Amino acid sequence: MRKAPTERRLRLATRETARVLAEHLAELRATHDWSQDDLARRAGVDRKTVNRIEKGHFSPSLDTLVRLSIALDCALTDLLDD
């Protein structure tokens, strides 16, 4: 069964958002010279969560995104905008 064009566009947009988030999170973490473990500890999340986000394998909750942005001292848009 063929998926509706809208659903296909949504899947592509979600993948692109995950890619942008992964890239920006890794770059921002690197500017602080932190390991994934350092960021996870400061944000109050599991290191595996940070790893999965940076690999693009996980769509974090809004709560997790807020925790990461606070730990990195950046706006949410810094994590998500391309």
PDB file of N, CA and C in Angstrom:
ATOM      1  N   MET A   1       0.852  -1.182   0.000  1.00  0.00           N
ATOM      2  CA  MET A   1       0.000   0.000   0.000  1.00  0.00           C
ATOM      3  C   MET A   1       0.893   1.240   0.000  1.00  0.00           C
ATOM      4  N   ARG A   2       0.584   2.160  -0.845  1.00  0.00           N
ATOM      5  CA  ARG A   2       1.351   3.386  -0.975  1.00  0.00           C
ATOM      6  C   ARG A   2       0.963   4.387   0.100  1.00  0.00           C
ATOM      7  N   LYS A   3       1.971   5.046   0.665  1.00  0.00           N
ATOM      8  CA  LYS A   3       1.705   6.022   1.717  1.00  0.00           C
ATOM      9  C   LYS A   3       1.338   7.363   1.093  1.00  0.00           C
ATOM     10  N   ALA A   4       0.525   8.099   1.804  1.00  0.00           N
ATOM     11  CA  ALA A   4       0.092   9.410   1.327  1.00  0.00           C
ATOM     12  C   ALA A   4       1.292  10.348   1.220  1.00  0.00           C
ATOM     13  N   PRO A   5       1.303  11.250   0.229  1.00  0.00           N
ATOM     14  CA  PRO A   5       2.420  12.190   0.078  1.00  0.00           C
ATOM     15  C   PRO A   5       2.702  12.983   1.343  1.00  0.00           C
ATOM     16  N   THR A   6       1.678  13.342   2.072  1.00  0.00           N
ATOM     17  CA  THR A   6       1.860  14.108   3.297  1.00  0.00           C
ATOM     18  C   THR A   6       2.652  13.303   4.317  1.00  0.00           C
ATOM     19  N   GLU A   7       2.333  12.036   4.456  1.00  0.00           N
ATOM     20  CA  GLU A   7       3.041  11.178   5.406  1.00  0.00           C
ATOM     21  C   GLU A   7       4.509  11.024   4.998  1.00  0.00           C
ATOM     22  N   ARG A   8       4.758  10.886   3.711  1.00  0.00           N
ATOM     23  CA  ARG A   8       6.126  10.752   3.207  1.00  0.00           C
ATOM     24  C   ARG A   8       6.921  12.034   3.490  1.00  0.00           C
ATOM     25  N   ARG A   9       6.318  13.179   3.246  1.00  0.00           N
ATOM     26  CA  ARG A   9       6.985  14.459   3.522  1.00  0.00           C
ATOM     27  C   ARG A   9       7.274  14.606   5.015  1.00  0.00           C
ATOM     28  N   LEU A  10       6.358  14.180   5.842  1.00  0.00           N
ATOM     29  CA  LEU A  10       6.548  14.259   7.289  1.00  0.00           C
ATOM     30  C   LEU A  10       7.718  13.379   7.720  1.00  0.00           C
ATOM     31  N   ARG A  11       7.812  12.166   7.183  1.00  0.00           N
ATOM     32  CA  ARG A  11       8.935  11.268   7.504  1.00  0.00           C
ATOM     33  C   ARG A  11      10.257  11.884   7.084  1.00  0.00           C
ATOM     34  N   LEU A  12      10.306  12.464   5.890  1.00  0.00           N
ATOM     35  CA  LEU A  12      11.531  13.107   5.403  1.00  0.00           C
ATOM     36  C   LEU A  12      11.900  14.305   6.266  1.00  0.00           C
ATOM     37  N   ALA A  13      10.915  15.101   6.648  1.00  0.00           N
ATOM     38  CA  ALA A  13      11.171  16.263   7.502  1.00  0.00           C
ATOM     39  C   ALA A  13      11.671  15.832   8.869  1.00  0.00           C
ATOM     40  N   THR A  14      11.118  14.758   9.395  1.00  0.00           N
ATOM     41  CA  THR A  14      11.544  14.244  10.693  1.00  0.00           C
ATOM     42  C   THR A  14      12.984  13.759  10.627  1.00  0.00           C
ATOM     43  N   ARG A  15      13.337  13.063   9.558  1.00  0.00           N
ATOM     44  CA  ARG A  15      14.721  12.604   9.390  1.00  0.00           C
ATOM     45  C   ARG A  15      15.681  13.783   9.266  1.00  0.00           C
ATOM     46  N   GLU A  16      15.269  14.800   8.525  1.00  0.00           N
ATOM     47  CA  GLU A  16      16.117  15.981   8.352  1.00  0.00           C
ATOM     48  C   GLU A  16      16.295  16.711   9.682  1.00  0.00           C
ATOM     49  N   THR A  17      15.232  16.820  10.463  1.00  0.00           N
ATOM     50  CA  THR A  17      15.321  17.456  11.776  1.00  0.00           C
ATOM     51  C   THR A  17      16.262  16.668  12.683  1.00  0.00           C
ATOM     52  N   ALA A  18      16.175  15.347  12.661  1.00  0.00           N
ATOM     53  CA  ALA A  18      17.064  14.506  13.475  1.00  0.00           C
ATOM     54  C   ALA A  18      18.517  14.703  13.049  1.00  0.00           C
ATOM     55  N   ARG A  19      18.761  14.835  11.737  1.00  0.00           N
ATOM     56  CA  ARG A  19      20.115  15.052  11.235  1.00  0.00           C
ATOM     57  C   ARG A  19      20.667  16.395  11.705  1.00  0.00           C
ATOM     58  N   VAL A  20      19.850  17.439  11.599  1.00  0.00           N
ATOM     59  CA  VAL A  20      20.272  18.779  12.028  1.00  0.00           C
ATOM     60  C   VAL A  20      20.542  18.786  13.524  1.00  0.00           C
ATOM     61  N   LEU A  21      19.632  18.210  14.303  1.00  0.00           N
ATOM     62  CA  LEU A  21      19.814  18.148  15.753  1.00  0.00           C
ATOM     63  C   LEU A  21      21.095  17.399  16.101  1.00  0.00           C
ATOM     64  N   ALA A  22      21.337  16.271  15.459  1.00  0.00           N
ATOM     65  CA  ALA A  22      22.541  15.474  15.729  1.00  0.00           C
ATOM     66  C   ALA A  22      23.797  16.294  15.463  1.00  0.00           C
ATOM     67  N   GLU A  23      23.813  16.967  14.340  1.00  0.00           N
ATOM     68  CA  GLU A  23      24.974  17.774  13.951  1.00  0.00           C
ATOM     69  C   GLU A  23      25.199  18.929  14.917  1.00  0.00           C
ATOM     70  N   HIS A  24      24.131  19.658  15.225  1.00  0.00           N
ATOM     71  CA  HIS A  24      24.263  20.823  16.096  1.00  0.00           C
ATOM     72  C   HIS A  24      24.615  20.443  17.527  1.00  0.00           C
ATOM     73  N   LEU A  25      24.041  19.366  18.013  1.00  0.00           N
ATOM     74  CA  LEU A  25      24.339  18.935  19.378  1.00  0.00           C
ATOM     75  C   LEU A  25      25.819  18.573  19.507  1.00  0.00           C
ATOM     76  N   ALA A  26      26.330  17.823  18.556  1.00  0.00           N
ATOM     77  CA  ALA A  26      27.741  17.436  18.591  1.00  0.00           C
ATOM     78  C   ALA A  26      28.652  18.664  18.491  1.00  0.00           C
ATOM     79  N   GLU A  27      28.298  19.613  17.615  1.00  0.00           N
ATOM     80  CA  GLU A  27      29.110  20.820  17.452  1.00  0.00           C
ATOM     81  C   GLU A  27      29.101  21.677  18.727  1.00  0.00           C
ATOM     82  N   LEU A  28      27.932  21.870  19.303  1.00  0.00           N
ATOM     83  CA  LEU A  28      27.830  22.682  20.519  1.00  0.00           C
ATOM     84  C   LEU A  28      28.561  22.013  21.681  1.00  0.00           C
ATOM     85  N   ARG A  29      28.433  20.708  21.776  1.00  0.00           N
ATOM     86  CA  ARG A  29      29.139  19.970  22.826  1.00  0.00           C
ATOM     87  C   ARG A  29      30.646  20.138  22.656  1.00  0.00           C
ATOM     88  N   ALA A  30      31.101  20.076  21.428  1.00  0.00           N
ATOM     89  CA  ALA A  30      32.537  20.211  21.144  1.00  0.00           C
ATOM     90  C   ALA A  30      33.052  21.608  21.484  1.00  0.00           C
ATOM     91  N   THR A  31      32.206  22.640  21.326  1.00  0.00           N
ATOM     92  CA  THR A  31      32.654  23.999  21.657  1.00  0.00           C
ATOM     93  C   THR A  31      32.945  24.133  23.150  1.00  0.00           C
ATOM     94  N   HIS A  32      32.291  23.300  23.952  1.00  0.00           N
ATOM     95  CA  HIS A  32      32.546  23.288  25.400  1.00  0.00           C
ATOM     96  C   HIS A  32      33.658  22.321  25.770  1.00  0.00           C
ATOM     97  N   ASP A  33      34.133  21.575  24.772  1.00  0.00           N
ATOM     98  CA  ASP A  33      35.159  20.552  24.987  1.00  0.00           C
ATOM     99  C   ASP A  33      34.676  19.503  25.996  1.00  0.00           C
ATOM    100  N   TRP A  34      33.407  19.100  25.840  1.00  0.00           N
ATOM    101  CA  TRP A  34      32.800  18.116  26.724  1.00  0.00           C
ATOM    102  C   TRP A  34      32.670  16.779  26.002  1.00  0.00           C
ATOM    103  N   SER A  35      32.769  15.729  26.768  1.00  0.00           N
ATOM    104  CA  SER A  35      32.437  14.399  26.255  1.00  0.00           C
ATOM    105  C   SER A  35      30.915  14.248  26.299  1.00  0.00           C
ATOM    106  N   GLN A  36      30.423  13.185  25.705  1.00  0.00           N
ATOM    107  CA  GLN A  36      28.986  12.912  25.797  1.00  0.00           C
ATOM    108  C   GLN A  36      28.586  12.699  27.252  1.00  0.00           C
ATOM    109  N   ASP A  37      29.468  12.079  28.008  1.00  0.00           N
ATOM    110  CA  ASP A  37      29.191  11.838  29.423  1.00  0.00           C
ATOM    111  C   ASP A  37      29.102  13.164  30.187  1.00  0.00           C
ATOM    112  N   ASP A  38      30.000  14.100  29.883  1.00  0.00           N
ATOM    113  CA  ASP A  38      29.964  15.418  30.533  1.00  0.00           C
ATOM    114  C   ASP A  38      28.631  16.108  30.273  1.00  0.00           C
ATOM    115  N   LEU A  39      28.223  16.126  29.003  1.00  0.00           N
ATOM    116  CA  LEU A  39      26.954  16.779  28.656  1.00  0.00           C
ATOM    117  C   LEU A  39      25.781  16.076  29.325  1.00  0.00           C
ATOM    118  N   ALA A  40      25.777  14.766  29.285  1.00  0.00           N
ATOM    119  CA  ALA A  40      24.680  14.005  29.890  1.00  0.00           C
ATOM    120  C   ALA A  40      24.557  14.322  31.379  1.00  0.00           C
ATOM    121  N   ARG A  41      25.686  14.338  32.066  1.00  0.00           N
ATOM    122  CA  ARG A  41      25.675  14.629  33.502  1.00  0.00           C
ATOM    123  C   ARG A  41      25.132  16.034  33.767  1.00  0.00           C
ATOM    124  N   ARG A  42      25.590  17.009  33.004  1.00  0.00           N
ATOM    125  CA  ARG A  42      25.158  18.396  33.202  1.00  0.00           C
ATOM    126  C   ARG A  42      23.684  18.595  32.854  1.00  0.00           C
ATOM    127  N   ALA A  43      23.194  17.826  31.896  1.00  0.00           N
ATOM    128  CA  ALA A  43      21.799  17.960  31.470  1.00  0.00           C
ATOM    129  C   ALA A  43      20.852  17.066  32.263  1.00  0.00           C
ATOM    130  N   GLY A  44      21.408  16.126  33.017  1.00  0.00           N
ATOM    131  CA  GLY A  44      20.555  15.218  33.789  1.00  0.00           C
ATOM    132  C   GLY A  44      19.879  14.174  32.923  1.00  0.00           C
ATOM    133  N   VAL A  45      20.585  13.740  31.867  1.00  0.00           N
ATOM    134  CA  VAL A  45      20.066  12.678  31.003  1.00  0.00           C
ATOM    135  C   VAL A  45      21.113  11.574  30.917  1.00  0.00           C
ATOM    136  N   ASP A  46      20.727  10.460  30.369  1.00  0.00           N
ATOM    137  CA  ASP A  46      21.637   9.328  30.235  1.00  0.00           C
ATOM    138  C   ASP A  46      22.611   9.569  29.076  1.00  0.00           C
ATOM    139  N   ARG A  47      23.844   9.108  29.218  1.00  0.00           N
ATOM    140  CA  ARG A  47      24.829   9.264  28.151  1.00  0.00           C
ATOM    141  C   ARG A  47      24.368   8.578  26.870  1.00  0.00           C
ATOM    142  N   LYS A  48      23.691   7.452  27.012  1.00  0.00           N
ATOM    143  CA  LYS A  48      23.181   6.740  25.836  1.00  0.00           C
ATOM    144  C   LYS A  48      22.183   7.600  25.066  1.00  0.00           C
ATOM    145  N   THR A  49      21.430   8.416  25.781  1.00  0.00           N
ATOM    146  CA  THR A  49      20.486   9.318  25.132  1.00  0.00           C
ATOM    147  C   THR A  49      21.235  10.323  24.269  1.00  0.00           C
ATOM    148  N   VAL A  50      22.284  10.925  24.820  1.00  0.00           N
ATOM    149  CA  VAL A  50      23.086  11.882  24.058  1.00  0.00           C
ATOM    150  C   VAL A  50      23.682  11.190  22.837  1.00  0.00           C
ATOM    151  N   ASN A  51      24.215  10.002  23.020  1.00  0.00           N
ATOM    152  CA  ASN A  51      24.814   9.252  21.922  1.00  0.00           C
ATOM    153  C   ASN A  51      23.799   8.959  20.823  1.00  0.00           C
ATOM    154  N   ARG A  52      22.628   8.513  21.201  1.00  0.00           N
ATOM    155  CA  ARG A  52      21.584   8.167  20.221  1.00  0.00           C
ATOM    156  C   ARG A  52      21.095   9.404  19.482  1.00  0.00           C
ATOM    157  N   ILE A  53      20.999  10.544  20.169  1.00  0.00           N
ATOM    158  CA  ILE A  53      20.592  11.785  19.505  1.00  0.00           C
ATOM    159  C   ILE A  53      21.657  12.194  18.494  1.00  0.00           C
ATOM    160  N   GLU A  54      22.927  12.146  18.904  1.00  0.00           N
ATOM    161  CA  GLU A  54      24.011  12.548  18.008  1.00  0.00           C
ATOM    162  C   GLU A  54      24.163  11.614  16.808  1.00  0.00           C
ATOM    163  N   LYS A  55      23.691  10.394  16.924  1.00  0.00           N
ATOM    164  CA  LYS A  55      23.713   9.467  15.792  1.00  0.00           C
ATOM    165  C   LYS A  55      22.452   9.579  14.940  1.00  0.00           C
ATOM    166  N   GLY A  56      21.491  10.374  15.408  1.00  0.00           N
ATOM    167  CA  GLY A  56      20.242  10.532  14.664  1.00  0.00           C
ATOM    168  C   GLY A  56      19.290   9.373  14.824  1.00  0.00           C
ATOM    169  N   HIS A  57      19.481   8.577  15.888  1.00  0.00           N
ATOM    170  CA  HIS A  57      18.663   7.386  16.115  1.00  0.00           C
ATOM    171  C   HIS A  57      17.561   7.592  17.155  1.00  0.00           C
ATOM    172  N   PHE A  58      17.383   8.809  17.604  1.00  0.00           N
ATOM    173  CA  PHE A  58      16.454   9.045  18.711  1.00  0.00           C
ATOM    174  C   PHE A  58      15.842  10.425  18.573  1.00  0.00           C
ATOM    175  N   SER A  59      14.542  10.508  18.729  1.00  0.00           N
ATOM    176  CA  SER A  59      13.843  11.789  18.742  1.00  0.00           C
ATOM    177  C   SER A  59      13.538  12.139  20.198  1.00  0.00           C
ATOM    178  N   PRO A  60      14.285  13.065  20.769  1.00  0.00           N
ATOM    179  CA  PRO A  60      14.116  13.368  22.190  1.00  0.00           C
ATOM    180  C   PRO A  60      12.822  14.119  22.478  1.00  0.00           C
ATOM    181  N   SER A  61      12.400  14.016  23.715  1.00  0.00           N
ATOM    182  CA  SER A  61      11.229  14.764  24.169  1.00  0.00           C
ATOM    183  C   SER A  61      11.592  16.243  24.301  1.00  0.00           C
ATOM    184  N   LEU A  62      10.591  17.065  24.409  1.00  0.00           N
ATOM    185  CA  LEU A  62      10.815  18.494  24.610  1.00  0.00           C
ATOM    186  C   LEU A  62      11.588  18.720  25.906  1.00  0.00           C
ATOM    187  N   ASP A  63      11.264  17.964  26.940  1.00  0.00           N
ATOM    188  CA  ASP A  63      11.970  18.070  28.218  1.00  0.00           C
ATOM    189  C   ASP A  63      13.470  17.814  28.045  1.00  0.00           C
ATOM    190  N   THR A  64      13.817  16.782  27.291  1.00  0.00           N
ATOM    191  CA  THR A  64      15.229  16.474  27.053  1.00  0.00           C
ATOM    192  C   THR A  64      15.896  17.584  26.261  1.00  0.00           C
ATOM    193  N   LEU A  65      15.220  18.099  25.245  1.00  0.00           N
ATOM    194  CA  LEU A  65      15.783  19.198  24.459  1.00  0.00           C
ATOM    195  C   LEU A  65      16.033  20.434  25.324  1.00  0.00           C
ATOM    196  N   VAL A  66      15.097  20.734  26.202  1.00  0.00           N
ATOM    197  CA  VAL A  66      15.257  21.888  27.101  1.00  0.00           C
ATOM    198  C   VAL A  66      16.442  21.656  28.034  1.00  0.00           C
ATOM    199  N   ARG A  67      16.546  20.468  28.600  1.00  0.00           N
ATOM    200  CA  ARG A  67      17.669  20.152  29.492  1.00  0.00           C
ATOM    201  C   ARG A  67      19.007  20.315  28.771  1.00  0.00           C
ATOM    202  N   LEU A  68      19.080  19.827  27.537  1.00  0.00           N
ATOM    203  CA  LEU A  68      20.313  19.939  26.763  1.00  0.00           C
ATOM    204  C   LEU A  68      20.639  21.395  26.445  1.00  0.00           C
ATOM    205  N   SER A  69      19.618  22.159  26.056  1.00  0.00           N
ATOM    206  CA  SER A  69      19.875  23.562  25.719  1.00  0.00           C
ATOM    207  C   SER A  69      20.313  24.362  26.948  1.00  0.00           C
ATOM    208  N   ILE A  70      19.758  24.066  28.107  1.00  0.00           N
ATOM    209  CA  ILE A  70      20.172  24.748  29.337  1.00  0.00           C
ATOM    210  C   ILE A  70      21.621  24.375  29.662  1.00  0.00           C
ATOM    211  N   ALA A  71      21.937  23.096  29.571  1.00  0.00           N
ATOM    212  CA  ALA A  71      23.299  22.648  29.871  1.00  0.00           C
ATOM    213  C   ALA A  71      24.307  23.289  28.918  1.00  0.00           C
ATOM    214  N   LEU A  72      23.918  23.442  27.658  1.00  0.00           N
ATOM    215  CA  LEU A  72      24.811  24.015  26.651  1.00  0.00           C
ATOM    216  C   LEU A  72      24.750  25.541  26.616  1.00  0.00           C
ATOM    217  N   ASP A  73      23.861  26.120  27.411  1.00  0.00           N
ATOM    218  CA  ASP A  73      23.671  27.571  27.453  1.00  0.00           C
ATOM    219  C   ASP A  73      23.362  28.123  26.067  1.00  0.00           C
ATOM    220  N   CYS A  74      22.367  27.489  25.430  1.00  0.00           N
ATOM    221  CA  CYS A  74      21.953  27.926  24.099  1.00  0.00           C
ATOM    222  C   CYS A  74      20.437  27.897  24.010  1.00  0.00           C
ATOM    223  N   ALA A  75      19.914  28.515  22.985  1.00  0.00           N
ATOM    224  CA  ALA A  75      18.477  28.498  22.740  1.00  0.00           C
ATOM    225  C   ALA A  75      18.094  27.181  22.069  1.00  0.00           C
ATOM    226  N   LEU A  76      16.845  26.766  22.235  1.00  0.00           N
ATOM    227  CA  LEU A  76      16.373  25.567  21.551  1.00  0.00           C
ATOM    228  C   LEU A  76      16.564  25.683  20.044  1.00  0.00           C
ATOM    229  N   THR A  77      16.371  26.870  19.528  1.00  0.00           N
ATOM    230  CA  THR A  77      16.525  27.062  18.081  1.00  0.00           C
ATOM    231  C   THR A  77      17.958  26.804  17.629  1.00  0.00           C
ATOM    232  N   ASP A  78      18.934  26.998  18.517  1.00  0.00           N
ATOM    233  CA  ASP A  78      20.332  26.691  18.160  1.00  0.00           C
ATOM    234  C   ASP A  78      20.521  25.205  17.904  1.00  0.00           C
ATOM    235  N   LEU A  79      19.703  24.384  18.540  1.00  0.00           N
ATOM    236  CA  LEU A  79      19.797  22.935  18.345  1.00  0.00           C
ATOM    237  C   LEU A  79      19.044  22.485  17.096  1.00  0.00           C
ATOM    238  N   LEU A  80      17.986  23.208  16.733  1.00  0.00           N
ATOM    239  CA  LEU A  80      17.072  22.713  15.710  1.00  0.00           C
ATOM    240  C   LEU A  80      17.119  23.438  14.369  1.00  0.00           C
ATOM    241  N   ASP A  81      17.550  24.692  14.362  1.00  0.00           N
ATOM    242  CA  ASP A  81      17.551  25.449  13.103  1.00  0.00           C
ATOM    243  C   ASP A  81      18.710  25.047  12.225  1.00  0.00           C
ATOM    244  N   ASP A  82      18.425  24.933  10.941  1.00  0.00           N
ATOM    245  CA  ASP A  82      19.477  24.579   9.988  1.00  0.00           C
ATOM    246  C   ASP A  82      20.163  25.823   9.474  1.00  0.00           C
TER     247      ASP A  82
END
